[in-house]
Amino acid sequence: MLKIKTPKTQRAARALEKRAPKLVENGKKTLILHGTKTSSLLNDVLTQIYHLKRDSAVKYTKKNKEIRPFESGGEASLEFYSLKNDCSLFVFGSHSKKRPNNLVLGRMYDHHVYDLVELGVENFRPMESFVYDKKVAPRIGSKPFFTFIGEAFESVEELKHLKEVLLDLFRGEVVENLNLAGVDRVYVCTAISPTTVFFSHCALRLKRSGSTIPRMELVEIGPSMDFVVRRHRLPNDSLKKEAMKTASQQHKKVKNVSRDVVQGKIGKIYIPDQQVGGMALSNDIKGLKRQRREAKMNTATKEDQVKKRKTDSQ
């Protein structure tokens, strides 16, 4: 049996409260891991992804022999690291003769593997190979635009799944309002074939256009690479249904409470009829003591009057 331990310090209590389910969830963190063997190209890819998500990512540099995401039993270490670092997304890199430069993107639900996409990396170009004005470089933590070019993202099942994973991986925190001046980067994904996607990262420049809508220019700043979809695994229907549950935004109606423009919040209170005649009264009631005093005073006055009459008659 597993033990349920309560936090003994305020720091541990705050950490548990931060990880607890909320109506508005925190931004998703990404866990970046290396497999048993990785190539130099794959190491650069993992480093570049970590640089793009530096504000919300945890990167491990040691090799992990036990992690095999697509095999049963090979997910235990991955789920342990996810629980330890409170990460909902992960990027796992491995290299072998059968699958060279292999990159696995995945999502977690309740710190268990939710879905997986396996990609092969080709034609990789790092950020250092691009020449551009450093003033247009995006700021860390800024919100990006996403552009998906090609009908395959709507018709091919593998690319539809890859689109969802890429959106979760790079979008950051979900916000309702956005300042256009703070959007300074674009991720461009182009479907070259039903299994190949060209991925590039561009800086966004806003220029004058003579109207209220600015003219946008894209400056490629890297990294860029080709993703070749090899395998993917969708979540179970029951797990997907459980993960898609959302809290109800409607407030419960409170009985006998209404609001008025003038008086504000008004409430009605219903009190049952009180049976005063059947109420049990004690002898220590102040009202009864007062009645006794009045009765005693009345009897005293009557006795005095009787005595005066007797003395007068004599």
C-alpha atoms as a PDB file:
ATOM      1  CA  MET A   1       0.000   0.000   0.000  1.00  0.00           C
ATOM      2  CA  LEU A   2       1.199   3.500  -0.838  1.00  0.00           C
ATOM      3  CA  LYS A   3       1.444   5.950   2.029  1.00  0.00           C
ATOM      4  CA  ILE A   4      -0.145   9.387   1.828  1.00  0.00           C
ATOM      5  CA  LYS A   5       2.278  11.774   3.478  1.00  0.00           C
ATOM      6  CA  THR A   6       1.292  15.234   4.588  1.00  0.00           C
ATOM      7  CA  PRO A   7       3.800  18.101   4.254  1.00  0.00           C
ATOM      8  CA  LYS A   8       5.724  18.882   7.428  1.00  0.00           C
ATOM      9  CA  THR A   9       6.983  22.334   6.405  1.00  0.00           C
ATOM     10  CA  GLN A  10       5.369  25.400   4.861  1.00  0.00           C
ATOM     11  CA  ARG A  11       7.719  25.171   1.901  1.00  0.00           C
ATOM     12  CA  ALA A  12       6.569  21.618   1.092  1.00  0.00           C
ATOM     13  CA  ALA A  13       2.936  22.673   1.506  1.00  0.00           C
ATOM     14  CA  ARG A  14       3.399  25.544  -0.974  1.00  0.00           C
ATOM     15  CA  ALA A  15       5.112  23.201  -3.458  1.00  0.00           C
ATOM     16  CA  LEU A  16       2.210  20.733  -3.288  1.00  0.00           C
ATOM     17  CA  GLU A  17      -0.324  23.527  -3.620  1.00  0.00           C
ATOM     18  CA  LYS A  18       1.500  24.821  -6.708  1.00  0.00           C
ATOM     19  CA  ARG A  19       1.277  21.389  -8.364  1.00  0.00           C
ATOM     20  CA  ALA A  20      -2.351  20.777  -7.382  1.00  0.00           C
ATOM     21  CA  PRO A  21      -5.088  20.911 -10.072  1.00  0.00           C
ATOM     22  CA  LYS A  22      -6.407  24.426 -10.726  1.00  0.00           C
ATOM     23  CA  LEU A  23      -9.219  26.009 -12.668  1.00  0.00           C
ATOM     24  CA  VAL A  24      -6.606  27.916 -14.688  1.00  0.00           C
ATOM     25  CA  GLU A  25      -3.565  25.685 -15.050  1.00  0.00           C
ATOM     26  CA  ASN A  26       0.045  26.837 -14.992  1.00  0.00           C
ATOM     27  CA  GLY A  27       2.142  26.986 -18.123  1.00  0.00           C
ATOM     28  CA  LYS A  28       3.444  23.606 -19.307  1.00  0.00           C
ATOM     29  CA  LYS A  29       7.120  22.816 -18.707  1.00  0.00           C
ATOM     30  CA  THR A  30       9.210  20.710 -21.091  1.00  0.00           C
ATOM     31  CA  LEU A  31      11.622  17.953 -20.112  1.00  0.00           C
ATOM     32  CA  ILE A  32      14.557  17.416 -22.521  1.00  0.00           C
ATOM     33  CA  LEU A  33      16.399  14.082 -22.273  1.00  0.00           C
ATOM     34  CA  HIS A  34      19.159  12.137 -24.049  1.00  0.00           C
ATOM     35  CA  GLY A  35      18.942   8.464 -24.903  1.00  0.00           C
ATOM     36  CA  THR A  36      21.591   5.749 -24.709  1.00  0.00           C
ATOM     37  CA  LYS A  37      23.336   7.117 -27.786  1.00  0.00           C
ATOM     38  CA  THR A  38      23.010  10.496 -29.499  1.00  0.00           C
ATOM     39  CA  SER A  39      24.766  12.055 -32.461  1.00  0.00           C
ATOM     40  CA  SER A  40      26.361  15.488 -32.531  1.00  0.00           C
ATOM     41  CA  LEU A  41      23.568  16.737 -34.807  1.00  0.00           C
ATOM     42  CA  LEU A  42      20.930  15.522 -32.348  1.00  0.00           C
ATOM     43  CA  ASN A  43      22.761  17.143 -29.429  1.00  0.00           C
ATOM     44  CA  ASP A  44      22.631  20.456 -31.281  1.00  0.00           C
ATOM     45  CA  VAL A  45      18.907  19.996 -31.973  1.00  0.00           C
ATOM     46  CA  LEU A  46      18.142  19.374 -28.291  1.00  0.00           C
ATOM     47  CA  THR A  47      20.253  22.383 -27.291  1.00  0.00           C
ATOM     48  CA  GLN A  48      18.450  24.621 -29.790  1.00  0.00           C
ATOM     49  CA  ILE A  49      15.019  23.480 -28.557  1.00  0.00           C
ATOM     50  CA  TYR A  50      16.122  24.192 -24.998  1.00  0.00           C
ATOM     51  CA  HIS A  51      17.233  27.675 -26.079  1.00  0.00           C
ATOM     52  CA  LEU A  52      13.800  28.357 -27.611  1.00  0.00           C
ATOM     53  CA  LYS A  53      12.090  27.224 -24.395  1.00  0.00           C
ATOM     54  CA  ARG A  54      14.647  28.393 -21.864  1.00  0.00           C
ATOM     55  CA  ASP A  55      12.064  30.005 -19.571  1.00  0.00           C
ATOM     56  CA  SER A  56       9.977  26.809 -19.229  1.00  0.00           C
ATOM     57  CA  ALA A  57      12.263  23.810 -19.836  1.00  0.00           C
ATOM     58  CA  VAL A  58      14.461  21.392 -17.874  1.00  0.00           C
ATOM     59  CA  LYS A  59      17.380  19.769 -19.716  1.00  0.00           C
ATOM     60  CA  TYR A  60      19.269  16.642 -18.635  1.00  0.00           C
ATOM     61  CA  THR A  61      22.625  15.942 -20.266  1.00  0.00           C
ATOM     62  CA  LYS A  62      23.308  12.434 -18.938  1.00  0.00           C
ATOM     63  CA  LYS A  63      22.480   9.320 -20.945  1.00  0.00           C
ATOM     64  CA  ASN A  64      19.354   7.350 -20.038  1.00  0.00           C
ATOM     65  CA  LYS A  65      19.486   3.667 -20.935  1.00  0.00           C
ATOM     66  CA  GLU A  66      16.129   2.682 -19.444  1.00  0.00           C
ATOM     67  CA  ILE A  67      13.938   5.102 -21.425  1.00  0.00           C
ATOM     68  CA  ARG A  68      12.173   3.591 -24.450  1.00  0.00           C
ATOM     69  CA  PRO A  69       8.943   5.556 -24.943  1.00  0.00           C
ATOM     70  CA  PHE A  70       7.258   3.237 -27.476  1.00  0.00           C
ATOM     71  CA  GLU A  71       7.992   0.025 -25.544  1.00  0.00           C
ATOM     72  CA  SER A  72       6.008  -1.291 -22.605  1.00  0.00           C
ATOM     73  CA  GLY A  73       7.980  -0.841 -19.392  1.00  0.00           C
ATOM     74  CA  GLY A  74      10.311   1.709 -20.973  1.00  0.00           C
ATOM     75  CA  GLU A  75       8.258   4.662 -19.747  1.00  0.00           C
ATOM     76  CA  ALA A  76       8.824   4.277 -15.987  1.00  0.00           C
ATOM     77  CA  SER A  77      11.968   6.445 -15.797  1.00  0.00           C
ATOM     78  CA  LEU A  78      10.424   9.024 -18.105  1.00  0.00           C
ATOM     79  CA  GLU A  79       7.329   9.317 -15.901  1.00  0.00           C
ATOM     80  CA  PHE A  80       9.526   9.534 -12.791  1.00  0.00           C
ATOM     81  CA  TYR A  81      11.493  12.492 -14.208  1.00  0.00           C
ATOM     82  CA  SER A  82       8.232  14.117 -15.286  1.00  0.00           C
ATOM     83  CA  LEU A  83       6.817  13.841 -11.763  1.00  0.00           C
ATOM     84  CA  LYS A  84      10.076  15.037 -10.184  1.00  0.00           C
ATOM     85  CA  ASN A  85      10.299  18.185 -12.329  1.00  0.00           C
ATOM     86  CA  ASP A  86       6.535  18.744 -12.788  1.00  0.00           C
ATOM     87  CA  CYS A  87       6.796  18.619 -16.610  1.00  0.00           C
ATOM     88  CA  SER A  88       3.822  17.991 -18.913  1.00  0.00           C
ATOM     89  CA  LEU A  89       5.840  17.791 -22.163  1.00  0.00           C
ATOM     90  CA  PHE A  90       9.043  16.005 -23.086  1.00  0.00           C
ATOM     91  CA  VAL A  91      11.578  15.830 -25.926  1.00  0.00           C
ATOM     92  CA  PHE A  92      13.667  12.664 -26.104  1.00  0.00           C
ATOM     93  CA  GLY A  93      16.594  12.225 -28.484  1.00  0.00           C
ATOM     94  CA  SER A  94      18.258   8.952 -29.506  1.00  0.00           C
ATOM     95  CA  HIS A  95      20.422   7.705 -32.363  1.00  0.00           C
ATOM     96  CA  SER A  96      20.746   4.207 -33.843  1.00  0.00           C
ATOM     97  CA  LYS A  97      21.489   2.578 -37.161  1.00  0.00           C
ATOM     98  CA  LYS A  98      17.841   1.711 -37.710  1.00  0.00           C
ATOM     99  CA  ARG A  99      16.542   5.156 -36.669  1.00  0.00           C
ATOM    100  CA  PRO A 100      19.276   7.810 -37.047  1.00  0.00           C
ATOM    101  CA  ASN A 101      18.784  11.241 -35.470  1.00  0.00           C
ATOM    102  CA  ASN A 102      15.573  10.156 -33.827  1.00  0.00           C
ATOM    103  CA  LEU A 103      13.485  12.724 -31.930  1.00  0.00           C
ATOM    104  CA  VAL A 104      10.436  11.735 -29.841  1.00  0.00           C
ATOM    105  CA  LEU A 105       7.940  14.416 -28.829  1.00  0.00           C
ATOM    106  CA  GLY A 106       5.306  13.535 -26.256  1.00  0.00           C
ATOM    107  CA  ARG A 107       2.752  14.827 -23.811  1.00  0.00           C
ATOM    108  CA  MET A 108       1.903  13.741 -20.279  1.00  0.00           C
ATOM    109  CA  TYR A 109      -1.365  13.472 -18.402  1.00  0.00           C
ATOM    110  CA  ASP A 110      -1.176  13.094 -14.628  1.00  0.00           C
ATOM    111  CA  HIS A 111       2.555  12.342 -15.162  1.00  0.00           C
ATOM    112  CA  HIS A 112       1.789   9.344 -17.394  1.00  0.00           C
ATOM    113  CA  VAL A 113       2.549   9.192 -21.122  1.00  0.00           C
ATOM    114  CA  TYR A 114      -0.447  10.531 -23.048  1.00  0.00           C
ATOM    115  CA  ASP A 115       0.663  10.422 -26.718  1.00  0.00           C
ATOM    116  CA  LEU A 116       3.870  10.181 -28.756  1.00  0.00           C
ATOM    117  CA  VAL A 117       5.264  11.346 -32.106  1.00  0.00           C
ATOM    118  CA  GLU A 118       8.573   9.987 -33.441  1.00  0.00           C
ATOM    119  CA  LEU A 119      10.448  12.167 -35.929  1.00  0.00           C
ATOM    120  CA  GLY A 120      13.621  11.908 -37.959  1.00  0.00           C
ATOM    121  CA  VAL A 121      15.696  15.107 -38.194  1.00  0.00           C
ATOM    122  CA  GLU A 122      17.215  16.040 -41.556  1.00  0.00           C
ATOM    123  CA  ASN A 123      18.796  19.158 -43.118  1.00  0.00           C
ATOM    124  CA  PHE A 124      19.393  20.819 -39.777  1.00  0.00           C
ATOM    125  CA  ARG A 125      20.699  24.400 -39.631  1.00  0.00           C
ATOM    126  CA  PRO A 126      21.488  25.943 -36.204  1.00  0.00           C
ATOM    127  CA  MET A 127      20.938  29.557 -35.193  1.00  0.00           C
ATOM    128  CA  GLU A 128      24.615  30.385 -35.585  1.00  0.00           C
ATOM    129  CA  SER A 129      24.501  29.749 -39.342  1.00  0.00           C
ATOM    130  CA  PHE A 130      21.997  32.589 -39.976  1.00  0.00           C
ATOM    131  CA  VAL A 131      23.150  36.175 -40.494  1.00  0.00           C
ATOM    132  CA  TYR A 132      20.712  38.906 -39.416  1.00  0.00           C
ATOM    133  CA  ASP A 133      20.464  42.097 -37.424  1.00  0.00           C
ATOM    134  CA  LYS A 134      20.640  41.184 -33.743  1.00  0.00           C
ATOM    135  CA  LYS A 135      18.173  43.957 -32.903  1.00  0.00           C
ATOM    136  CA  VAL A 136      15.309  41.903 -34.344  1.00  0.00           C
ATOM    137  CA  ALA A 137      16.121  38.856 -32.200  1.00  0.00           C
ATOM    138  CA  PRO A 138      13.021  37.718 -30.240  1.00  0.00           C
ATOM    139  CA  ARG A 139      12.887  38.187 -26.506  1.00  0.00           C
ATOM    140  CA  ILE A 140      12.811  35.204 -24.158  1.00  0.00           C
ATOM    141  CA  GLY A 141       9.274  34.311 -23.099  1.00  0.00           C
ATOM    142  CA  SER A 142       7.488  36.205 -25.887  1.00  0.00           C
ATOM    143  CA  LYS A 143       4.373  34.715 -27.473  1.00  0.00           C
ATOM    144  CA  PRO A 144       4.842  33.225 -30.961  1.00  0.00           C
ATOM    145  CA  PHE A 145       2.702  33.019 -34.076  1.00  0.00           C
ATOM    146  CA  PHE A 146       2.213  29.640 -35.783  1.00  0.00           C
ATOM    147  CA  THR A 147       1.827  29.115 -39.505  1.00  0.00           C
ATOM    148  CA  PHE A 148       0.903  25.697 -40.911  1.00  0.00           C
ATOM    149  CA  ILE A 149       1.144  25.613 -44.685  1.00  0.00           C
ATOM    150  CA  GLY A 150      -0.289  22.675 -46.609  1.00  0.00           C
ATOM    151  CA  GLU A 151      -3.530  20.704 -46.792  1.00  0.00           C
ATOM    152  CA  ALA A 152      -1.826  17.653 -45.299  1.00  0.00           C
ATOM    153  CA  PHE A 153      -2.166  19.186 -41.829  1.00  0.00           C
ATOM    154  CA  GLU A 154      -5.939  18.736 -42.162  1.00  0.00           C
ATOM    155  CA  SER A 155      -6.135  15.461 -44.106  1.00  0.00           C
ATOM    156  CA  VAL A 156      -3.203  13.270 -42.943  1.00  0.00           C
ATOM    157  CA  GLU A 157      -3.645  11.763 -39.472  1.00  0.00           C
ATOM    158  CA  GLU A 158       0.084  11.828 -38.622  1.00  0.00           C
ATOM    159  CA  LEU A 159       0.478  15.508 -39.490  1.00  0.00           C
ATOM    160  CA  LYS A 160      -2.703  16.467 -37.632  1.00  0.00           C
ATOM    161  CA  HIS A 161      -1.260  14.807 -34.553  1.00  0.00           C
ATOM    162  CA  LEU A 162       2.129  16.494 -35.086  1.00  0.00           C
ATOM    163  CA  LYS A 163       0.390  19.873 -35.380  1.00  0.00           C
ATOM    164  CA  GLU A 164      -1.266  19.439 -31.968  1.00  0.00           C
ATOM    165  CA  VAL A 165       2.006  18.409 -30.309  1.00  0.00           C
ATOM    166  CA  LEU A 166       3.993  21.304 -31.823  1.00  0.00           C
ATOM    167  CA  LEU A 167       1.364  23.806 -30.681  1.00  0.00           C
ATOM    168  CA  ASP A 168       1.525  22.481 -27.125  1.00  0.00           C
ATOM    169  CA  LEU A 169       5.325  22.389 -27.185  1.00  0.00           C
ATOM    170  CA  PHE A 170       6.069  25.981 -28.258  1.00  0.00           C
ATOM    171  CA  ARG A 171       3.010  28.099 -27.434  1.00  0.00           C
ATOM    172  CA  GLY A 172       3.833  28.762 -23.744  1.00  0.00           C
ATOM    173  CA  GLU A 173       1.186  29.998 -21.336  1.00  0.00           C
ATOM    174  CA  VAL A 174      -2.378  30.454 -22.555  1.00  0.00           C
ATOM    175  CA  VAL A 175      -3.497  34.111 -22.424  1.00  0.00           C
ATOM    176  CA  GLU A 176      -6.749  35.858 -23.325  1.00  0.00           C
ATOM    177  CA  ASN A 177      -5.416  39.261 -24.407  1.00  0.00           C
ATOM    178  CA  LEU A 178      -2.240  39.881 -26.400  1.00  0.00           C
ATOM    179  CA  ASN A 179      -0.349  43.041 -27.299  1.00  0.00           C
ATOM    180  CA  LEU A 180       0.691  43.006 -30.945  1.00  0.00           C
ATOM    181  CA  ALA A 181       3.955  44.776 -30.111  1.00  0.00           C
ATOM    182  CA  GLY A 182       4.964  41.834 -27.907  1.00  0.00           C
ATOM    183  CA  VAL A 183       4.620  39.249 -30.717  1.00  0.00           C
ATOM    184  CA  ASP A 184       8.067  39.086 -32.280  1.00  0.00           C
ATOM    185  CA  ARG A 185       8.496  35.520 -33.581  1.00  0.00           C
ATOM    186  CA  VAL A 186       6.811  33.050 -35.947  1.00  0.00           C
ATOM    187  CA  TYR A 187       7.127  29.275 -36.274  1.00  0.00           C
ATOM    188  CA  VAL A 188       6.554  28.250 -39.874  1.00  0.00           C
ATOM    189  CA  CYS A 189       5.647  24.602 -40.595  1.00  0.00           C
ATOM    190  CA  THR A 190       5.328  23.581 -44.241  1.00  0.00           C
ATOM    191  CA  ALA A 191       4.045  20.158 -45.298  1.00  0.00           C
ATOM    192  CA  ILE A 192       6.384  19.115 -48.123  1.00  0.00           C
ATOM    193  CA  SER A 193       4.890  15.601 -48.349  1.00  0.00           C
ATOM    194  CA  PRO A 194       2.436  13.480 -46.294  1.00  0.00           C
ATOM    195  CA  THR A 195       5.348  12.452 -44.031  1.00  0.00           C
ATOM    196  CA  THR A 196       7.799  15.410 -44.209  1.00  0.00           C
ATOM    197  CA  VAL A 197       7.459  18.853 -42.601  1.00  0.00           C
ATOM    198  CA  PHE A 198       9.857  21.762 -42.983  1.00  0.00           C
ATOM    199  CA  PHE A 199      10.175  23.587 -39.645  1.00  0.00           C
ATOM    200  CA  SER A 200      11.724  27.062 -39.377  1.00  0.00           C
ATOM    201  CA  HIS A 201      11.892  29.861 -36.810  1.00  0.00           C
ATOM    202  CA  CYS A 202      11.568  33.481 -37.976  1.00  0.00           C
ATOM    203  CA  ALA A 203      11.663  36.895 -36.326  1.00  0.00           C
ATOM    204  CA  LEU A 204       8.727  39.206 -36.980  1.00  0.00           C
ATOM    205  CA  ARG A 205       9.287  42.850 -37.908  1.00  0.00           C
ATOM    206  CA  LEU A 206       6.428  45.363 -37.931  1.00  0.00           C
ATOM    207  CA  LYS A 207       6.834  48.228 -40.414  1.00  0.00           C
ATOM    208  CA  ARG A 208       4.740  51.203 -41.405  1.00  0.00           C
ATOM    209  CA  SER A 209       2.131  50.587 -44.070  1.00  0.00           C
ATOM    210  CA  GLY A 210       0.254  53.905 -44.165  1.00  0.00           C
ATOM    211  CA  SER A 211      -2.701  52.416 -42.295  1.00  0.00           C
ATOM    212  CA  THR A 212      -3.574  51.161 -38.817  1.00  0.00           C
ATOM    213  CA  ILE A 213      -2.503  47.623 -39.777  1.00  0.00           C
ATOM    214  CA  PRO A 214       1.319  47.336 -39.886  1.00  0.00           C
ATOM    215  CA  ARG A 215       3.210  45.544 -42.624  1.00  0.00           C
ATOM    216  CA  MET A 216       4.883  42.347 -41.419  1.00  0.00           C
ATOM    217  CA  GLU A 217       8.242  41.001 -42.577  1.00  0.00           C
ATOM    218  CA  LEU A 218       9.801  37.663 -41.660  1.00  0.00           C
ATOM    219  CA  VAL A 219      13.524  37.293 -41.002  1.00  0.00           C
ATOM    220  CA  GLU A 220      14.730  33.694 -40.657  1.00  0.00           C
ATOM    221  CA  ILE A 221      16.870  33.379 -37.550  1.00  0.00           C
ATOM    222  CA  GLY A 222      16.915  29.600 -37.054  1.00  0.00           C
ATOM    223  CA  PRO A 223      16.925  26.879 -36.220  1.00  0.00           C
ATOM    224  CA  SER A 224      15.449  25.149 -39.276  1.00  0.00           C
ATOM    225  CA  MET A 225      15.127  21.434 -40.026  1.00  0.00           C
ATOM    226  CA  ASP A 226      13.046  18.791 -41.760  1.00  0.00           C
ATOM    227  CA  PHE A 227      10.851  16.521 -39.653  1.00  0.00           C
ATOM    228  CA  VAL A 228      10.150  13.069 -41.100  1.00  0.00           C
ATOM    229  CA  VAL A 229       7.275  11.376 -39.257  1.00  0.00           C
ATOM    230  CA  ARG A 230       8.201   7.760 -38.472  1.00  0.00           C
ATOM    231  CA  ARG A 231       5.760   6.585 -35.794  1.00  0.00           C
ATOM    232  CA  HIS A 232       3.041   8.080 -33.673  1.00  0.00           C
ATOM    233  CA  ARG A 233       0.753   6.820 -30.926  1.00  0.00           C
ATOM    234  CA  LEU A 234      -2.601   8.376 -30.120  1.00  0.00           C
ATOM    235  CA  PRO A 235      -4.105   8.265 -26.606  1.00  0.00           C
ATOM    236  CA  ASN A 236      -6.842   5.831 -25.635  1.00  0.00           C
ATOM    237  CA  ASP A 237     -10.421   7.051 -25.958  1.00  0.00           C
ATOM    238  CA  SER A 238     -11.069   6.708 -22.221  1.00  0.00           C
ATOM    239  CA  LEU A 239      -7.839   8.552 -21.327  1.00  0.00           C
ATOM    240  CA  LYS A 240      -8.557  11.273 -23.878  1.00  0.00           C
ATOM    241  CA  LYS A 241     -12.068  11.758 -22.501  1.00  0.00           C
ATOM    242  CA  GLU A 242     -10.715  12.084 -18.975  1.00  0.00           C
ATOM    243  CA  ALA A 243      -7.967  14.504 -20.026  1.00  0.00           C
ATOM    244  CA  MET A 244     -10.403  16.731 -21.948  1.00  0.00           C
ATOM    245  CA  LYS A 245     -12.621  17.378 -18.931  1.00  0.00           C
ATOM    246  CA  THR A 246     -12.964  21.041 -18.055  1.00  0.00           C
ATOM    247  CA  ALA A 247     -14.394  22.733 -14.997  1.00  0.00           C
ATOM    248  CA  SER A 248     -17.806  24.310 -15.360  1.00  0.00           C
ATOM    249  CA  GLN A 249     -17.587  28.082 -15.705  1.00  0.00           C
ATOM    250  CA  GLN A 250     -21.212  28.662 -14.697  1.00  0.00           C
ATOM    251  CA  HIS A 251     -21.739  29.731 -11.115  1.00  0.00           C
ATOM    252  CA  LYS A 252     -24.285  27.752  -9.135  1.00  0.00           C
ATOM    253  CA  LYS A 253     -27.515  29.629  -8.519  1.00  0.00           C
ATOM    254  CA  VAL A 254     -28.009  30.483  -4.863  1.00  0.00           C
ATOM    255  CA  LYS A 255     -31.560  30.131  -3.615  1.00  0.00           C
ATOM    256  CA  ASN A 256     -33.467  33.149  -2.247  1.00  0.00           C
ATOM    257  CA  VAL A 257     -30.708  35.585  -3.280  1.00  0.00           C
ATOM    258  CA  SER A 258     -31.254  38.338  -5.813  1.00  0.00           C
ATOM    259  CA  ARG A 259     -29.527  41.551  -6.847  1.00  0.00           C
ATOM    260  CA  ASP A 260     -30.961  45.013  -7.068  1.00  0.00           C
ATOM    261  CA  VAL A 261     -29.451  48.073  -8.761  1.00  0.00           C
ATOM    262  CA  VAL A 262     -30.133  50.281  -5.751  1.00  0.00           C
ATOM    263  CA  GLN A 263     -29.983  47.950  -2.753  1.00  0.00           C
ATOM    264  CA  GLY A 264     -27.389  45.545  -4.145  1.00  0.00           C
ATOM    265  CA  LYS A 265     -27.489  41.953  -2.946  1.00  0.00           C
ATOM    266  CA  ILE A 266     -30.794  41.002  -1.312  1.00  0.00           C
ATOM    267  CA  GLY A 267     -31.534  37.765   0.508  1.00  0.00           C
ATOM    268  CA  LYS A 268     -34.720  36.258   1.898  1.00  0.00           C
ATOM    269  CA  ILE A 269     -34.804  34.301   5.128  1.00  0.00           C
ATOM    270  CA  TYR A 270     -37.706  31.990   5.913  1.00  0.00           C
ATOM    271  CA  ILE A 271     -38.461  31.374   9.619  1.00  0.00           C
ATOM    272  CA  PRO A 272     -41.092  28.803  10.645  1.00  0.00           C
ATOM    273  CA  ASP A 273     -44.048  29.809  12.823  1.00  0.00           C
ATOM    274  CA  GLN A 274     -43.135  29.902  16.500  1.00  0.00           C
ATOM    275  CA  GLN A 275     -45.517  28.189  18.924  1.00  0.00           C
ATOM    276  CA  VAL A 276     -45.166  30.624  21.827  1.00  0.00           C
ATOM    277  CA  GLY A 277     -47.907  29.025  23.918  1.00  0.00           C
ATOM    278  CA  GLY A 278     -46.189  25.685  24.033  1.00  0.00           C
ATOM    279  CA  MET A 279     -42.749  26.992  24.922  1.00  0.00           C
ATOM    280  CA  ALA A 280     -41.235  25.737  28.180  1.00  0.00           C
ATOM    281  CA  LEU A 281     -40.355  28.579  30.537  1.00  0.00           C
ATOM    282  CA  SER A 282     -37.897  28.328  33.425  1.00  0.00           C
ATOM    283  CA  ASN A 283     -38.172  29.964  36.803  1.00  0.00           C
ATOM    284  CA  ASP A 284     -35.087  32.105  36.268  1.00  0.00           C
ATOM    285  CA  ILE A 285     -36.615  34.402  33.702  1.00  0.00           C
ATOM    286  CA  LYS A 286     -36.184  38.074  34.563  1.00  0.00           C
ATOM    287  CA  GLY A 287     -39.684  38.898  33.405  1.00  0.00           C
ATOM    288  CA  LEU A 288     -41.185  36.474  35.918  1.00  0.00           C
ATOM    289  CA  LYS A 289     -39.053  37.924  38.710  1.00  0.00           C
ATOM    290  CA  ARG A 290     -40.359  41.369  37.855  1.00  0.00           C
ATOM    291  CA  GLN A 291     -43.935  40.121  37.991  1.00  0.00           C
ATOM    292  CA  ARG A 292     -43.273  38.549  41.386  1.00  0.00           C
ATOM    293  CA  ARG A 293     -41.850  41.803  42.696  1.00  0.00           C
ATOM    294  CA  GLU A 294     -44.856  43.727  41.454  1.00  0.00           C
ATOM    295  CA  ALA A 295     -47.260  41.165  42.990  1.00  0.00           C
ATOM    296  CA  LYS A 296     -45.385  41.334  46.305  1.00  0.00           C
ATOM    297  CA  MET A 297     -45.570  45.115  46.313  1.00  0.00           C
ATOM    298  CA  ASN A 298     -49.305  45.016  45.577  1.00  0.00           C
ATOM    299  CA  THR A 299     -49.961  42.613  48.455  1.00  0.00           C
ATOM    300  CA  ALA A 300     -47.887  44.832  50.782  1.00  0.00           C
ATOM    301  CA  THR A 301     -49.884  47.908  49.868  1.00  0.00           C
ATOM    302  CA  LYS A 302     -53.146  46.040  50.420  1.00  0.00           C
ATOM    303  CA  GLU A 303     -52.025  44.898  53.884  1.00  0.00           C
ATOM    304  CA  ASP A 304     -51.064  48.464  54.787  1.00  0.00           C
ATOM    305  CA  GLN A 305     -54.431  49.714  53.667  1.00  0.00           C
ATOM    306  CA  VAL A 306     -56.170  47.059  55.819  1.00  0.00           C
ATOM    307  CA  LYS A 307     -54.083  48.023  58.872  1.00  0.00           C
ATOM    308  CA  LYS A 308     -54.930  51.732  58.400  1.00  0.00           C
ATOM    309  CA  ARG A 309     -58.635  50.921  58.246  1.00  0.00           C
ATOM    310  CA  LYS A 310     -58.438  48.939  61.503  1.00  0.00           C
ATOM    311  CA  THR A 311     -56.641  51.754  63.321  1.00  0.00           C
ATOM    312  CA  ASP A 312     -59.145  54.331  62.031  1.00  0.00           C
ATOM    313  CA  SER A 313     -62.115  52.224  63.153  1.00  0.00           C
ATOM    314  CA  GLN A 314     -60.726  51.902  66.676  1.00  0.00           C
END
